[in-house]
Amino acid sequence: MNRIRKFFIPNLCISFTLVLVFVSLLNLIRGRDFNGFSQWILQFAALILLLGIADYLIEQINFKKWTIQLLLEFITNYALFLLGAYSLGWFQFQAENIISYTITYILVFALVYYRSYKQIKQDEEMINRILQNRNK
């Protein structure tokens, strides 16, 4: 089960994402993006890349508390997400749109954070077991 969660699922997600990006790029080059979906996929990929860069830069800061880092990542990425989605024309600035995008953002952020947290904890436990066995 650990192998599935650590390798299989991330590899599937990476493969799925790369195929979507490459096919969308080919559709745009060939002029086959009739409904704008390929353009949206590439915009979304660029926005996710921007959020990843923001996360990386925030992680370079040495925080005294991890909760402050988490809060800064949440707020920064939320602002970038909404600003990017709005400026790319994905939604109009109306309450129901902001609420639905906010709920989506919170759910995705929470699930990604939970998965990362669990993975870090499992890795820590494995390292501690190795060290304990080594010291015996």
Protein backbone atom coordinates (compact mmCIF):
# COMPACT_ATOMS: atom_id res chain seq x y z
CA MET A 1 0.00 0.00 0.00
CA ASN A 2 2.83 2.40 0.87
CA ARG A 3 4.42 1.78 -2.55
CA ILE A 4 1.11 2.55 -4.27
CA ARG A 5 0.70 5.80 -2.39
CA LYS A 6 4.34 6.85 -2.72
CA PHE A 7 5.00 5.93 -6.36
CA PHE A 8 2.03 4.62 -8.31
CA ILE A 9 -0.48 7.40 -7.66
CA PRO A 10 2.02 10.27 -8.14
CA ASN A 11 3.30 8.65 -11.35
CA LEU A 12 -0.25 8.36 -12.67
CA CYS A 13 -0.91 12.02 -11.84
CA ILE A 14 2.32 13.14 -13.49
CA SER A 15 1.58 11.07 -16.59
CA PHE A 16 -1.99 12.38 -16.80
CA THR A 17 -0.80 15.97 -16.47
CA LEU A 18 1.98 15.65 -19.04
CA VAL A 19 -0.34 14.03 -21.58
CA LEU A 20 -2.91 16.80 -21.12
CA VAL A 21 -0.26 19.50 -21.51
CA PHE A 22 1.36 17.94 -24.59
CA VAL A 23 -1.93 17.14 -26.34
CA SER A 24 -3.21 20.64 -25.59
CA LEU A 25 -0.03 22.18 -26.97
CA LEU A 26 -0.32 20.08 -30.13
CA ASN A 27 -3.98 21.04 -30.52
CA LEU A 28 -3.08 24.73 -30.33
CA ILE A 29 -0.21 24.35 -32.79
CA ARG A 30 -2.43 22.44 -35.24
CA GLY A 31 -5.33 24.85 -34.82
CA ARG A 32 -7.64 22.19 -33.36
CA ASP A 33 -8.66 23.97 -30.17
CA PHE A 34 -12.24 24.66 -31.22
CA ASN A 35 -13.77 25.06 -27.77
CA GLY A 36 -10.77 26.64 -25.97
CA PHE A 37 -10.17 23.64 -23.71
CA SER A 38 -6.54 23.16 -24.80
CA GLN A 39 -5.82 26.81 -24.11
CA TRP A 40 -7.40 26.47 -20.67
CA ILE A 41 -5.29 23.39 -19.88
CA LEU A 42 -2.08 25.26 -20.75
CA GLN A 43 -3.18 28.29 -18.73
CA PHE A 44 -3.99 26.04 -15.80
CA ALA A 45 -0.61 24.30 -16.06
CA ALA A 46 1.13 27.70 -16.08
CA LEU A 47 -0.87 28.82 -13.04
CA ILE A 48 0.00 25.63 -11.15
CA LEU A 49 3.67 26.17 -12.04
CA LEU A 50 3.44 29.74 -10.68
CA LEU A 51 1.91 28.42 -7.43
CA GLY A 52 4.71 25.86 -7.18
CA ILE A 53 7.34 28.57 -7.59
CA ALA A 54 5.64 30.65 -4.89
CA ASP A 55 5.65 27.61 -2.56
CA TYR A 56 9.32 27.00 -3.27
CA LEU A 57 10.23 30.62 -2.51
CA ILE A 58 8.22 30.60 0.72
CA GLU A 59 9.92 27.38 1.82
CA GLN A 60 13.31 29.13 1.51
CA ILE A 61 12.33 31.38 4.44
CA ASN A 62 13.25 30.07 7.88
CA PHE A 63 10.06 30.26 9.94
CA LYS A 64 10.00 29.76 13.70
CA LYS A 65 6.61 28.06 13.47
CA TRP A 66 5.39 25.80 10.68
CA THR A 67 1.87 27.19 11.09
CA ILE A 68 3.05 30.63 9.94
CA GLN A 69 4.64 29.08 6.86
CA LEU A 70 1.47 27.11 6.12
CA LEU A 71 -0.69 30.22 6.54
CA LEU A 72 1.61 32.27 4.27
CA GLU A 73 1.56 29.51 1.62
CA PHE A 74 -2.23 29.30 1.85
CA ILE A 75 -2.82 33.05 1.56
CA THR A 76 -0.19 33.64 -1.13
CA ASN A 77 -1.36 30.76 -3.30
CA TYR A 78 -5.01 31.65 -2.77
CA ALA A 79 -4.38 35.23 -3.89
CA LEU A 80 -2.34 34.08 -6.91
CA PHE A 81 -4.97 31.48 -7.79
CA LEU A 82 -7.86 33.95 -7.70
CA LEU A 83 -5.89 36.68 -9.45
CA GLY A 84 -4.70 34.27 -12.14
CA ALA A 85 -8.12 32.72 -12.70
CA TYR A 86 -9.79 36.13 -12.89
CA SER A 87 -7.16 37.71 -15.14
CA LEU A 88 -7.30 34.71 -17.50
CA GLY A 89 -11.05 35.18 -17.80
CA TRP A 90 -12.07 31.95 -16.10
CA PHE A 91 -14.80 33.66 -14.08
CA GLN A 92 -16.51 36.97 -13.53
CA PHE A 93 -16.01 38.77 -10.24
CA GLN A 94 -19.25 37.71 -8.56
CA ALA A 95 -19.88 36.29 -5.09
CA GLU A 96 -21.02 32.84 -6.24
CA ASN A 97 -17.96 32.45 -8.47
CA ILE A 98 -15.57 33.53 -5.75
CA ILE A 99 -17.26 31.17 -3.29
CA SER A 100 -17.06 28.18 -5.64
CA TYR A 101 -13.40 28.87 -6.51
CA THR A 102 -12.61 29.38 -2.82
CA ILE A 103 -14.22 26.08 -1.84
CA THR A 104 -12.35 24.30 -4.64
CA TYR A 105 -9.07 25.91 -3.58
CA ILE A 106 -9.55 25.01 0.10
CA LEU A 107 -10.39 21.37 -0.71
CA VAL A 108 -7.43 20.92 -3.05
CA PHE A 109 -5.02 22.71 -0.68
CA ALA A 110 -6.19 20.61 2.28
CA LEU A 111 -5.92 17.31 0.39
CA VAL A 112 -2.46 18.11 -1.00
CA TYR A 113 -1.25 19.28 2.41
CA TYR A 114 -2.68 16.18 4.12
CA ARG A 115 -0.99 13.88 1.61
CA SER A 116 2.34 15.69 2.01
CA TYR A 117 2.07 15.64 5.80
CA LYS A 118 1.34 11.91 5.86
CA GLN A 119 4.24 11.21 3.51
CA ILE A 120 6.66 13.22 5.63
CA LYS A 121 5.51 11.42 8.78
CA GLN A 122 5.96 8.01 7.14
CA ASP A 123 9.44 8.96 5.96
CA GLU A 124 10.36 10.17 9.46
CA GLU A 125 9.14 6.91 11.00
CA MET A 126 11.14 4.87 8.50
CA ILE A 127 14.31 6.88 9.17
CA ASN A 128 13.82 6.52 12.93
CA ARG A 129 13.37 2.73 12.58
CA ILE A 130 16.56 2.51 10.53
CA LEU A 131 18.46 4.55 13.12
CA GLN A 132 17.09 2.48 15.99
CA ASN A 133 18.05 -0.77 14.27
CA ARG A 134 21.47 0.63 13.53
CA ASN A 135 22.06 1.55 17.17
CA LYS A 136 21.19 -1.93 18.46
